[in-house]
PDB file of N, CA and C in Angstrom:
ATOM      1  N   UNK A   1     121.264 120.067  60.180  1.00  0.00           N
ATOM      2  CA  UNK A   1     122.468 119.672  60.574  1.00  0.00           C
ATOM      3  C   UNK A   1     122.374 118.337  61.437  1.00  0.00           C
ATOM      4  N   UNK A   2     123.394 117.524  61.236  1.00  0.00           N
ATOM      5  CA  UNK A   2     123.334 116.263  62.023  1.00  0.00           C
ATOM      6  C   UNK A   2     124.019 116.442  63.244  1.00  0.00           C
ATOM      7  N   UNK A   3     123.524 115.578  64.290  1.00  0.00           N
ATOM      8  CA  UNK A   3     124.235 115.638  65.594  1.00  0.00           C
ATOM      9  C   UNK A   3     124.657 114.200  65.946  1.00  0.00           C
ATOM     10  N   UNK A   4     125.869 114.152  66.516  1.00  0.00           N
ATOM     11  CA  UNK A   4     126.332 112.851  66.928  1.00  0.00           C
ATOM     12  C   UNK A   4     126.728 112.883  68.361  1.00  0.00           C
ATOM     13  N   UNK A   5     126.320 111.814  69.083  1.00  0.00           N
ATOM     14  CA  UNK A   5     126.578 111.744  70.603  1.00  0.00           C
ATOM     15  C   UNK A   5     127.577 110.685  70.812  1.00  0.00           C
ATOM     16  N   UNK A   6     128.651 111.078  71.501  1.00  0.00           N
ATOM     17  CA  UNK A   6     129.646 110.096  71.784  1.00  0.00           C
ATOM     18  C   UNK A   6     129.861 109.904  73.352  1.00  0.00           C
ATOM     19  N   UNK A   7     129.898 108.607  73.603  1.00  0.00           N
ATOM     20  CA  UNK A   7     129.998 108.292  75.012  1.00  0.00           C
ATOM     21  C   UNK A   7     131.454 107.737  75.327  1.00  0.00           C
ATOM     22  N   UNK A   8     132.137 108.356  76.400  1.00  0.00           N
ATOM     23  CA  UNK A   8     133.458 108.074  76.699  1.00  0.00           C
ATOM     24  C   UNK A   8     133.595 108.250  78.237  1.00  0.00           C
ATOM     25  N   UNK A   9     134.308 107.442  78.929  1.00  0.00           N
ATOM     26  CA  UNK A   9     134.581 107.552  80.284  1.00  0.00           C
ATOM     27  C   UNK A   9     135.348 108.937  80.619  1.00  0.00           C
ATOM     28  N   UNK A  10     136.418 109.188  79.822  1.00  0.00           N
ATOM     29  CA  UNK A  10     137.237 110.313  80.170  1.00  0.00           C
ATOM     30  C   UNK A  10     137.518 110.979  78.655  1.00  0.00           C
ATOM     31  N   UNK A  11     137.941 112.328  78.874  1.00  0.00           N
ATOM     32  CA  UNK A  11     138.324 113.089  77.621  1.00  0.00           C
ATOM     33  C   UNK A  11     139.251 114.166  78.071  1.00  0.00           C
ATOM     34  N   UNK A  12     139.770 114.975  77.224  1.00  0.00           N
ATOM     35  CA  UNK A  12     140.690 115.957  77.456  1.00  0.00           C
ATOM     36  C   UNK A  12     140.168 116.901  78.538  1.00  0.00           C
ATOM     37  N   UNK A  13     140.840 117.833  79.232  1.00  0.00           N
ATOM     38  CA  UNK A  13     142.365 117.824  79.117  1.00  0.00           C
ATOM     39  C   UNK A  13     143.247 116.934  79.980  1.00  0.00           C
ATOM     40  N   UNK A  14     142.519 116.424  81.120  1.00  0.00           N
ATOM     41  CA  UNK A  14     143.348 115.553  81.996  1.00  0.00           C
ATOM     42  C   UNK A  14     143.705 114.256  81.483  1.00  0.00           C
ATOM     43  N   UNK A  15     142.934 113.564  80.707  1.00  0.00           N
ATOM     44  CA  UNK A  15     143.301 112.247  80.244  1.00  0.00           C
ATOM     45  C   UNK A  15     143.634 112.291  78.743  1.00  0.00           C
ATOM     46  N   UNK A  16     144.709 111.857  78.463  1.00  0.00           N
ATOM     47  CA  UNK A  16     145.172 111.756  76.954  1.00  0.00           C
ATOM     48  C   UNK A  16     145.577 110.542  76.651  1.00  0.00           C
ATOM     49  N   UNK A  17     144.830 109.656  75.898  1.00  0.00           N
ATOM     50  CA  UNK A  17     145.206 108.314  75.604  1.00  0.00           C
ATOM     51  C   UNK A  17     144.918 108.169  74.107  1.00  0.00           C
ATOM     52  N   UNK A  18     144.967 106.872  73.675  1.00  0.00           N
ATOM     53  CA  UNK A  18     144.628 106.697  72.288  1.00  0.00           C
ATOM     54  C   UNK A  18     143.283 107.001  71.747  1.00  0.00           C
ATOM     55  N   UNK A  19     142.306 106.690  72.540  1.00  0.00           N
ATOM     56  CA  UNK A  19     140.940 106.906  72.149  1.00  0.00           C
ATOM     57  C   UNK A  19     140.661 108.447  72.116  1.00  0.00           C
ATOM     58  N   UNK A  20     141.092 109.028  73.141  1.00  0.00           N
ATOM     59  CA  UNK A  20     140.720 110.607  73.205  1.00  0.00           C
ATOM     60  C   UNK A  20     141.392 111.289  72.088  1.00  0.00           C
ATOM     61  N   UNK A  21     142.723 110.921  71.707  1.00  0.00           N
ATOM     62  CA  UNK A  21     143.312 111.562  70.501  1.00  0.00           C
ATOM     63  C   UNK A  21     142.620 111.206  69.287  1.00  0.00           C
ATOM     64  N   UNK A  22     142.188 109.844  69.155  1.00  0.00           N
ATOM     65  CA  UNK A  22     141.506 109.487  67.922  1.00  0.00           C
ATOM     66  C   UNK A  22     140.232 110.417  67.742  1.00  0.00           C
ATOM     67  N   UNK A  23     139.479 110.409  68.878  1.00  0.00           N
ATOM     68  CA  UNK A  23     138.241 111.152  68.658  1.00  0.00           C
ATOM     69  C   UNK A  23     138.387 112.684  68.339  1.00  0.00           C
ATOM     70  N   UNK A  24     139.495 113.170  68.985  1.00  0.00           N
ATOM     71  CA  UNK A  24     139.816 114.576  68.667  1.00  0.00           C
ATOM     72  C   UNK A  24     140.158 114.892  67.376  1.00  0.00           C
ATOM     73  N   UNK A  25     140.979 114.052  66.665  1.00  0.00           N
ATOM     74  CA  UNK A  25     141.446 114.045  65.405  1.00  0.00           C
ATOM     75  C   UNK A  25     140.286 113.927  64.312  1.00  0.00           C
ATOM     76  N   UNK A  26     139.531 112.867  64.556  1.00  0.00           N
ATOM     77  CA  UNK A  26     138.314 112.802  63.687  1.00  0.00           C
ATOM     78  C   UNK A  26     137.425 113.991  63.820  1.00  0.00           C
ATOM     79  N   UNK A  27     137.128 114.354  64.890  1.00  0.00           N
ATOM     80  CA  UNK A  27     136.195 115.401  65.011  1.00  0.00           C
ATOM     81  C   UNK A  27     136.573 116.709  64.614  1.00  0.00           C
ATOM     82  N   UNK A  28     137.839 116.944  64.703  1.00  0.00           N
ATOM     83  CA  UNK A  28     138.581 118.155  64.165  1.00  0.00           C
ATOM     84  C   UNK A  28     138.640 118.329  62.731  1.00  0.00           C
ATOM     85  N   UNK A  29     138.665 117.099  62.035  1.00  0.00           N
ATOM     86  CA  UNK A  29     138.712 117.065  60.375  1.00  0.00           C
ATOM     87  C   UNK A  29     137.271 117.186  59.828  1.00  0.00           C
ATOM     88  N   UNK A  30     136.261 117.096  60.454  1.00  0.00           N
ATOM     89  CA  UNK A  30     134.941 117.060  60.033  1.00  0.00           C
ATOM     90  C   UNK A  30     134.538 118.503  60.151  1.00  0.00           C
ATOM     91  N   UNK A  31     133.816 119.122  59.078  1.00  0.00           N
ATOM     92  CA  UNK A  31     133.411 120.577  59.191  1.00  0.00           C
ATOM     93  C   UNK A  31     132.264 120.541  60.169  1.00  0.00           C
ATOM     94  N   UNK A  32     132.458 121.586  61.047  1.00  0.00           N
ATOM     95  CA  UNK A  32     131.484 121.785  62.163  1.00  0.00           C
ATOM     96  C   UNK A  32     130.198 122.232  61.503  1.00  0.00           C
ATOM     97  N   UNK A  33     130.097 122.759  60.292  1.00  0.00           N
ATOM     98  CA  UNK A  33     128.779 123.241  59.749  1.00  0.00           C
ATOM     99  C   UNK A  33     127.900 122.040  59.292  1.00  0.00           C
ATOM    100  N   UNK A  34     128.579 120.749  59.114  1.00  0.00           N
ATOM    101  CA  UNK A  34     127.907 119.544  58.642  1.00  0.00           C
ATOM    102  C   UNK A  34     127.279 118.852  59.738  1.00  0.00           C
ATOM    103  N   UNK A  35     128.211 118.691  60.854  1.00  0.00           N
ATOM    104  CA  UNK A  35     127.868 117.817  61.860  1.00  0.00           C
ATOM    105  C   UNK A  35     128.205 118.406  63.265  1.00  0.00           C
ATOM    106  N   UNK A  36     127.382 118.247  64.206  1.00  0.00           N
ATOM    107  CA  UNK A  36     127.659 118.709  65.616  1.00  0.00           C
ATOM    108  C   UNK A  36     127.877 117.689  66.508  1.00  0.00           C
ATOM    109  N   UNK A  37     128.996 117.642  67.268  1.00  0.00           N
ATOM    110  CA  UNK A  37     129.438 116.591  68.003  1.00  0.00           C
ATOM    111  C   UNK A  37     129.176 116.972  69.577  1.00  0.00           C
ATOM    112  N   UNK A  38     128.582 116.048  70.237  1.00  0.00           N
ATOM    113  CA  UNK A  38     128.383 116.046  71.582  1.00  0.00           C
ATOM    114  C   UNK A  38     129.044 114.934  72.353  1.00  0.00           C
ATOM    115  N   UNK A  39     129.622 115.088  73.488  1.00  0.00           N
ATOM    116  CA  UNK A  39     130.322 113.872  74.203  1.00  0.00           C
ATOM    117  C   UNK A  39     129.733 113.872  75.687  1.00  0.00           C
ATOM    118  N   UNK A  40     129.410 112.756  76.223  1.00  0.00           N
ATOM    119  CA  UNK A  40     129.097 112.659  77.647  1.00  0.00           C
ATOM    120  C   UNK A  40     130.304 111.865  78.216  1.00  0.00           C
ATOM    121  N   UNK A  41     130.917 112.399  79.265  1.00  0.00           N
ATOM    122  CA  UNK A  41     132.013 111.658  79.849  1.00  0.00           C
ATOM    123  C   UNK A  41     131.969 111.984  81.355  1.00  0.00           C
ATOM    124  N   UNK A  42     132.798 111.452  82.228  1.00  0.00           N
ATOM    125  CA  UNK A  42     132.845 111.542  83.514  1.00  0.00           C
ATOM    126  C   UNK A  42     133.569 112.865  84.021  1.00  0.00           C
ATOM    127  N   UNK A  43     133.167 113.626  84.919  1.00  0.00           N
ATOM    128  CA  UNK A  43     133.608 114.809  85.551  1.00  0.00           C
ATOM    129  C   UNK A  43     134.404 114.427  86.878  1.00  0.00           C
ATOM    130  N   UNK A  44     135.460 113.936  86.798  1.00  0.00           N
ATOM    131  CA  UNK A  44     136.159 113.526  87.961  1.00  0.00           C
ATOM    132  C   UNK A  44     136.845 114.706  88.771  1.00  0.00           C
ATOM    133  N   UNK A  45     137.181 115.689  87.952  1.00  0.00           N
ATOM    134  CA  UNK A  45     137.935 116.878  88.500  1.00  0.00           C
ATOM    135  C   UNK A  45     136.901 117.997  88.570  1.00  0.00           C
ATOM    136  N   UNK A  46     136.549 118.496  89.733  1.00  0.00           N
ATOM    137  CA  UNK A  46     135.557 119.447  89.928  1.00  0.00           C
ATOM    138  C   UNK A  46     135.968 120.926  89.440  1.00  0.00           C
ATOM    139  N   UNK A  47     137.379 120.975  89.180  1.00  0.00           N
ATOM    140  CA  UNK A  47     137.815 122.202  88.475  1.00  0.00           C
ATOM    141  C   UNK A  47     137.386 122.323  87.124  1.00  0.00           C
ATOM    142  N   UNK A  48     137.104 121.165  86.539  1.00  0.00           N
ATOM    143  CA  UNK A  48     136.739 121.252  85.043  1.00  0.00           C
ATOM    144  C   UNK A  48     135.157 121.752  84.984  1.00  0.00           C
ATOM    145  N   UNK A  49     134.839 122.518  83.886  1.00  0.00           N
ATOM    146  CA  UNK A  49     133.356 122.886  83.744  1.00  0.00           C
ATOM    147  C   UNK A  49     132.589 121.774  83.307  1.00  0.00           C
ATOM    148  N   UNK A  50     131.171 121.853  83.692  1.00  0.00           N
ATOM    149  CA  UNK A  50     130.243 120.838  83.386  1.00  0.00           C
ATOM    150  C   UNK A  50     130.025 120.653  81.952  1.00  0.00           C
ATOM    151  N   UNK A  51     130.094 121.818  81.246  1.00  0.00           N
ATOM    152  CA  UNK A  51     130.011 121.914  79.761  1.00  0.00           C
ATOM    153  C   UNK A  51     131.106 122.765  79.225  1.00  0.00           C
ATOM    154  N   UNK A  52     131.653 122.190  78.190  1.00  0.00           N
ATOM    155  CA  UNK A  52     132.820 122.848  77.535  1.00  0.00           C
ATOM    156  C   UNK A  52     132.988 122.417  76.086  1.00  0.00           C
ATOM    157  N   UNK A  53     133.426 123.436  75.359  1.00  0.00           N
ATOM    158  CA  UNK A  53     133.682 122.988  73.892  1.00  0.00           C
ATOM    159  C   UNK A  53     135.175 122.796  73.751  1.00  0.00           C
ATOM    160  N   UNK A  54     135.677 121.818  73.257  1.00  0.00           N
ATOM    161  CA  UNK A  54     136.959 121.415  72.935  1.00  0.00           C
ATOM    162  C   UNK A  54     137.085 120.955  71.494  1.00  0.00           C
ATOM    163  N   UNK A  55     137.736 121.965  70.698  1.00  0.00           N
ATOM    164  CA  UNK A  55     137.611 121.599  69.338  1.00  0.00           C
ATOM    165  C   UNK A  55     136.307 121.705  68.723  1.00  0.00           C
ATOM    166  N   UNK A  56     135.873 120.683  68.059  1.00  0.00           N
ATOM    167  CA  UNK A  56     134.444 120.666  67.562  1.00  0.00           C
ATOM    168  C   UNK A  56     133.432 119.827  68.357  1.00  0.00           C
ATOM    169  N   UNK A  57     133.900 119.480  69.554  1.00  0.00           N
ATOM    170  CA  UNK A  57     133.127 118.419  70.484  1.00  0.00           C
ATOM    171  C   UNK A  57     132.684 119.449  71.666  1.00  0.00           C
ATOM    172  N   UNK A  58     131.363 119.430  71.908  1.00  0.00           N
ATOM    173  CA  UNK A  58     130.737 120.061  73.053  1.00  0.00           C
ATOM    174  C   UNK A  58     130.668 118.944  74.118  1.00  0.00           C
ATOM    175  N   UNK A  59     131.559 119.060  75.110  1.00  0.00           N
ATOM    176  CA  UNK A  59     131.770 118.066  76.097  1.00  0.00           C
ATOM    177  C   UNK A  59     130.803 118.215  77.300  1.00  0.00           C
ATOM    178  N   UNK A  60     129.997 117.228  77.763  1.00  0.00           N
ATOM    179  CA  UNK A  60     129.078 117.448  78.822  1.00  0.00           C
ATOM    180  C   UNK A  60     129.665 116.375  79.882  1.00  0.00           C
ATOM    181  N   UNK A  61     130.041 116.889  81.124  1.00  0.00           N
ATOM    182  CA  UNK A  61     130.611 115.983  82.072  1.00  0.00           C
ATOM    183  C   UNK A  61     129.708 115.653  83.213  1.00  0.00           C
ATOM    184  N   UNK A  62     129.492 114.476  83.683  1.00  0.00           N
ATOM    185  CA  UNK A  62     128.591 113.941  84.714  1.00  0.00           C
ATOM    186  C   UNK A  62     129.316 113.337  85.664  1.00  0.00           C
ATOM    187  N   UNK A  63     128.629 112.927  86.802  1.00  0.00           N
ATOM    188  CA  UNK A  63     129.158 112.227  87.856  1.00  0.00           C
ATOM    189  C   UNK A  63     129.808 112.973  88.973  1.00  0.00           C
ATOM    190  N   UNK A  64     130.259 112.224  90.049  1.00  0.00           N
ATOM    191  CA  UNK A  64     130.788 112.738  91.288  1.00  0.00           C
ATOM    192  C   UNK A  64     132.160 113.275  90.908  1.00  0.00           C
ATOM    193  N   UNK A  65     132.518 114.513  91.629  1.00  0.00           N
ATOM    194  CA  UNK A  65     133.849 115.037  91.236  1.00  0.00           C
ATOM    195  C   UNK A  65     134.558 115.468  92.715  1.00  0.00           C
ATOM    196  N   UNK A  66     135.866 115.730  92.504  1.00  0.00           N
ATOM    197  CA  UNK A  66     136.762 116.304  93.491  1.00  0.00           C
ATOM    198  C   UNK A  66     137.708 117.055  92.977  1.00  0.00           C
ATOM    199  N   UNK A  67     138.084 118.063  93.607  1.00  0.00           N
ATOM    200  CA  UNK A  67     139.117 118.966  93.122  1.00  0.00           C
ATOM    201  C   UNK A  67     140.646 118.295  92.899  1.00  0.00           C
ATOM    202  N   UNK A  68     141.064 118.320  91.850  1.00  0.00           N
ATOM    203  CA  UNK A  68     142.456 117.784  91.556  1.00  0.00           C
ATOM    204  C   UNK A  68     142.559 116.282  92.072  1.00  0.00           C
ATOM    205  N   UNK A  69     141.780 115.306  91.599  1.00  0.00           N
ATOM    206  CA  UNK A  69     141.922 114.031  92.192  1.00  0.00           C
ATOM    207  C   UNK A  69     143.122 113.411  91.718  1.00  0.00           C
ATOM    208  N   UNK A  70     143.677 112.548  92.520  1.00  0.00           N
ATOM    209  CA  UNK A  70     144.873 111.613  92.202  1.00  0.00           C
ATOM    210  C   UNK A  70     144.333 110.368  91.793  1.00  0.00           C
ATOM    211  N   UNK A  71     145.348 109.414  91.484  1.00  0.00           N
ATOM    212  CA  UNK A  71     144.913 108.111  91.050  1.00  0.00           C
ATOM    213  C   UNK A  71     144.378 107.346  92.298  1.00  0.00           C
ATOM    214  N   UNK A  72     144.876 107.610  93.533  1.00  0.00           N
ATOM    215  CA  UNK A  72     144.417 107.091  94.765  1.00  0.00           C
ATOM    216  C   UNK A  72     142.947 107.474  95.038  1.00  0.00           C
ATOM    217  N   UNK A  73     142.647 108.692  94.796  1.00  0.00           N
ATOM    218  CA  UNK A  73     141.292 109.312  95.056  1.00  0.00           C
ATOM    219  C   UNK A  73     140.304 108.647  94.194  1.00  0.00           C
ATOM    220  N   UNK A  74     140.588 108.276  92.921  1.00  0.00           N
ATOM    221  CA  UNK A  74     139.753 107.510  92.040  1.00  0.00           C
ATOM    222  C   UNK A  74     139.241 106.170  92.587  1.00  0.00           C
ATOM    223  N   UNK A  75     140.012 105.644  93.580  1.00  0.00           N
ATOM    224  CA  UNK A  75     139.667 104.291  94.120  1.00  0.00           C
ATOM    225  C   UNK A  75     138.805 104.508  95.373  1.00  0.00           C
ATOM    226  N   UNK A  76     138.670 105.670  95.822  1.00  0.00           N
ATOM    227  CA  UNK A  76     137.880 105.950  97.091  1.00  0.00           C
ATOM    228  C   UNK A  76     136.555 106.374  96.952  1.00  0.00           C
ATOM    229  N   UNK A  77     135.698 106.390  97.847  1.00  0.00           N
ATOM    230  CA  UNK A  77     134.334 106.789  97.809  1.00  0.00           C
ATOM    231  C   UNK A  77     134.202 108.219  97.645  1.00  0.00           C
ATOM    232  N   UNK A  78     133.553 108.901  96.795  1.00  0.00           N
ATOM    233  CA  UNK A  78     132.512 108.371  95.992  1.00  0.00           C
ATOM    234  C   UNK A  78     132.965 108.235  94.539  1.00  0.00           C
ATOM    235  N   UNK A  79     134.276 108.654  94.316  1.00  0.00           N
ATOM    236  CA  UNK A  79     134.682 108.662  92.906  1.00  0.00           C
ATOM    237  C   UNK A  79     134.685 107.258  92.227  1.00  0.00           C
ATOM    238  N   UNK A  80     134.972 106.183  93.068  1.00  0.00           N
ATOM    239  CA  UNK A  80     134.984 104.745  92.455  1.00  0.00           C
ATOM    240  C   UNK A  80     133.622 104.434  91.978  1.00  0.00           C
ATOM    241  N   UNK A  81     132.568 105.110  92.484  1.00  0.00           N
ATOM    242  CA  UNK A  81     131.132 104.685  92.046  1.00  0.00           C
ATOM    243  C   UNK A  81     130.932 105.315  90.540  1.00  0.00           C
ATOM    244  N   UNK A  82     131.690 106.146  90.081  1.00  0.00           N
ATOM    245  CA  UNK A  82     131.411 106.884  88.805  1.00  0.00           C
ATOM    246  C   UNK A  82     131.351 105.677  87.663  1.00  0.00           C
ATOM    247  N   UNK A  83     132.303 104.839  87.709  1.00  0.00           N
ATOM    248  CA  UNK A  83     132.352 104.036  86.548  1.00  0.00           C
ATOM    249  C   UNK A  83     131.024 103.009  86.535  1.00  0.00           C
ATOM    250  N   UNK A  84     130.585 102.620  87.762  1.00  0.00           N
ATOM    251  CA  UNK A  84     129.354 101.742  87.836  1.00  0.00           C
ATOM    252  C   UNK A  84     128.135 102.544  87.494  1.00  0.00           C
ATOM    253  N   UNK A  85     128.068 103.817  87.898  1.00  0.00           N
ATOM    254  CA  UNK A  85     126.832 104.557  87.539  1.00  0.00           C
ATOM    255  C   UNK A  85     126.911 105.194  86.232  1.00  0.00           C
ATOM    256  N   UNK A  86     128.034 105.179  85.628  1.00  0.00           N
ATOM    257  CA  UNK A  86     128.026 106.107  84.361  1.00  0.00           C
ATOM    258  C   UNK A  86     127.085 105.631  83.300  1.00  0.00           C
ATOM    259  N   UNK A  87     126.917 104.160  83.103  1.00  0.00           N
ATOM    260  CA  UNK A  87     126.089 103.873  81.963  1.00  0.00           C
ATOM    261  C   UNK A  87     124.564 104.294  82.275  1.00  0.00           C
ATOM    262  N   UNK A  88     124.213 104.485  83.523  1.00  0.00           N
ATOM    263  CA  UNK A  88     122.736 104.958  83.791  1.00  0.00           C
ATOM    264  C   UNK A  88     122.670 106.488  83.784  1.00  0.00           C
ATOM    265  N   UNK A  89     123.674 107.163  84.315  1.00  0.00           N
ATOM    266  CA  UNK A  89     123.597 108.579  84.304  1.00  0.00           C
ATOM    267  C   UNK A  89     123.802 109.119  82.877  1.00  0.00           C
ATOM    268  N   UNK A  90     124.740 108.451  82.102  1.00  0.00           N
ATOM    269  CA  UNK A  90     124.887 108.762  80.688  1.00  0.00           C
ATOM    270  C   UNK A  90     123.671 108.700  79.951  1.00  0.00           C
ATOM    271  N   UNK A  91     122.937 107.595  80.199  1.00  0.00           N
ATOM    272  CA  UNK A  91     121.688 107.424  79.379  1.00  0.00           C
ATOM    273  C   UNK A  91     120.681 108.560  79.802  1.00  0.00           C
ATOM    274  N   UNK A  92     120.498 108.944  81.029  1.00  0.00           N
ATOM    275  CA  UNK A  92     119.700 109.978  81.519  1.00  0.00           C
ATOM    276  C   UNK A  92     120.111 111.265  80.784  1.00  0.00           C
ATOM    277  N   UNK A  93     121.249 111.503  80.829  1.00  0.00           N
ATOM    278  CA  UNK A  93     121.837 112.694  80.149  1.00  0.00           C
ATOM    279  C   UNK A  93     121.699 112.816  78.731  1.00  0.00           C
ATOM    280  N   UNK A  94     121.705 111.650  78.054  1.00  0.00           N
ATOM    281  CA  UNK A  94     121.419 111.489  76.528  1.00  0.00           C
ATOM    282  C   UNK A  94     120.005 111.814  76.346  1.00  0.00           C
ATOM    283  N   UNK A  95     119.140 111.432  77.047  1.00  0.00           N
ATOM    284  CA  UNK A  95     117.637 111.691  76.954  1.00  0.00           C
ATOM    285  C   UNK A  95     117.370 113.188  77.180  1.00  0.00           C
ATOM    286  N   UNK A  96     118.020 113.801  78.145  1.00  0.00           N
ATOM    287  CA  UNK A  96     117.880 115.126  78.402  1.00  0.00           C
ATOM    288  C   UNK A  96     118.411 116.019  77.245  1.00  0.00           C
ATOM    289  N   UNK A  97     119.607 115.716  76.831  1.00  0.00           N
ATOM    290  CA  UNK A  97     120.119 116.371  75.557  1.00  0.00           C
ATOM    291  C   UNK A  97     119.197 116.261  74.336  1.00  0.00           C
ATOM    292  N   UNK A  98     118.634 114.969  74.124  1.00  0.00           N
ATOM    293  CA  UNK A  98     117.756 114.769  72.941  1.00  0.00           C
ATOM    294  C   UNK A  98     116.508 115.686  73.197  1.00  0.00           C
ATOM    295  N   UNK A  99     115.967 115.784  74.331  1.00  0.00           N
ATOM    296  CA  UNK A  99     114.801 116.630  74.487  1.00  0.00           C
ATOM    297  C   UNK A  99     115.114 118.163  74.227  1.00  0.00           C
ATOM    298  N   UNK A 100     116.291 118.624  74.417  1.00  0.00           N
ATOM    299  CA  UNK A 100     116.690 119.909  74.098  1.00  0.00           C
ATOM    300  C   UNK A 100     116.855 120.125  72.610  1.00  0.00           C
TER     301      UNK A 100
END
């Protein structure tokens, strides 16, 4: 079985935009027996699980989080660091997933 790793800053259920809808539509149309999809995205809301299956995508959330953050909370410490640290923490998460 082939495995595909997708990197995105945000994903369902809290953020719904053009990229999220496109990824969900594409991954839902491909048979899960042929390809296994994994996604690494930010975990801004601590109410969301660290690992969750949404459709055909196994979502791995990383980074700092806060319960039910608002748009103002995303500009404050430590959540504003997530965008800057994402490229490094996502790479480490990808290496860890590859070892598994």
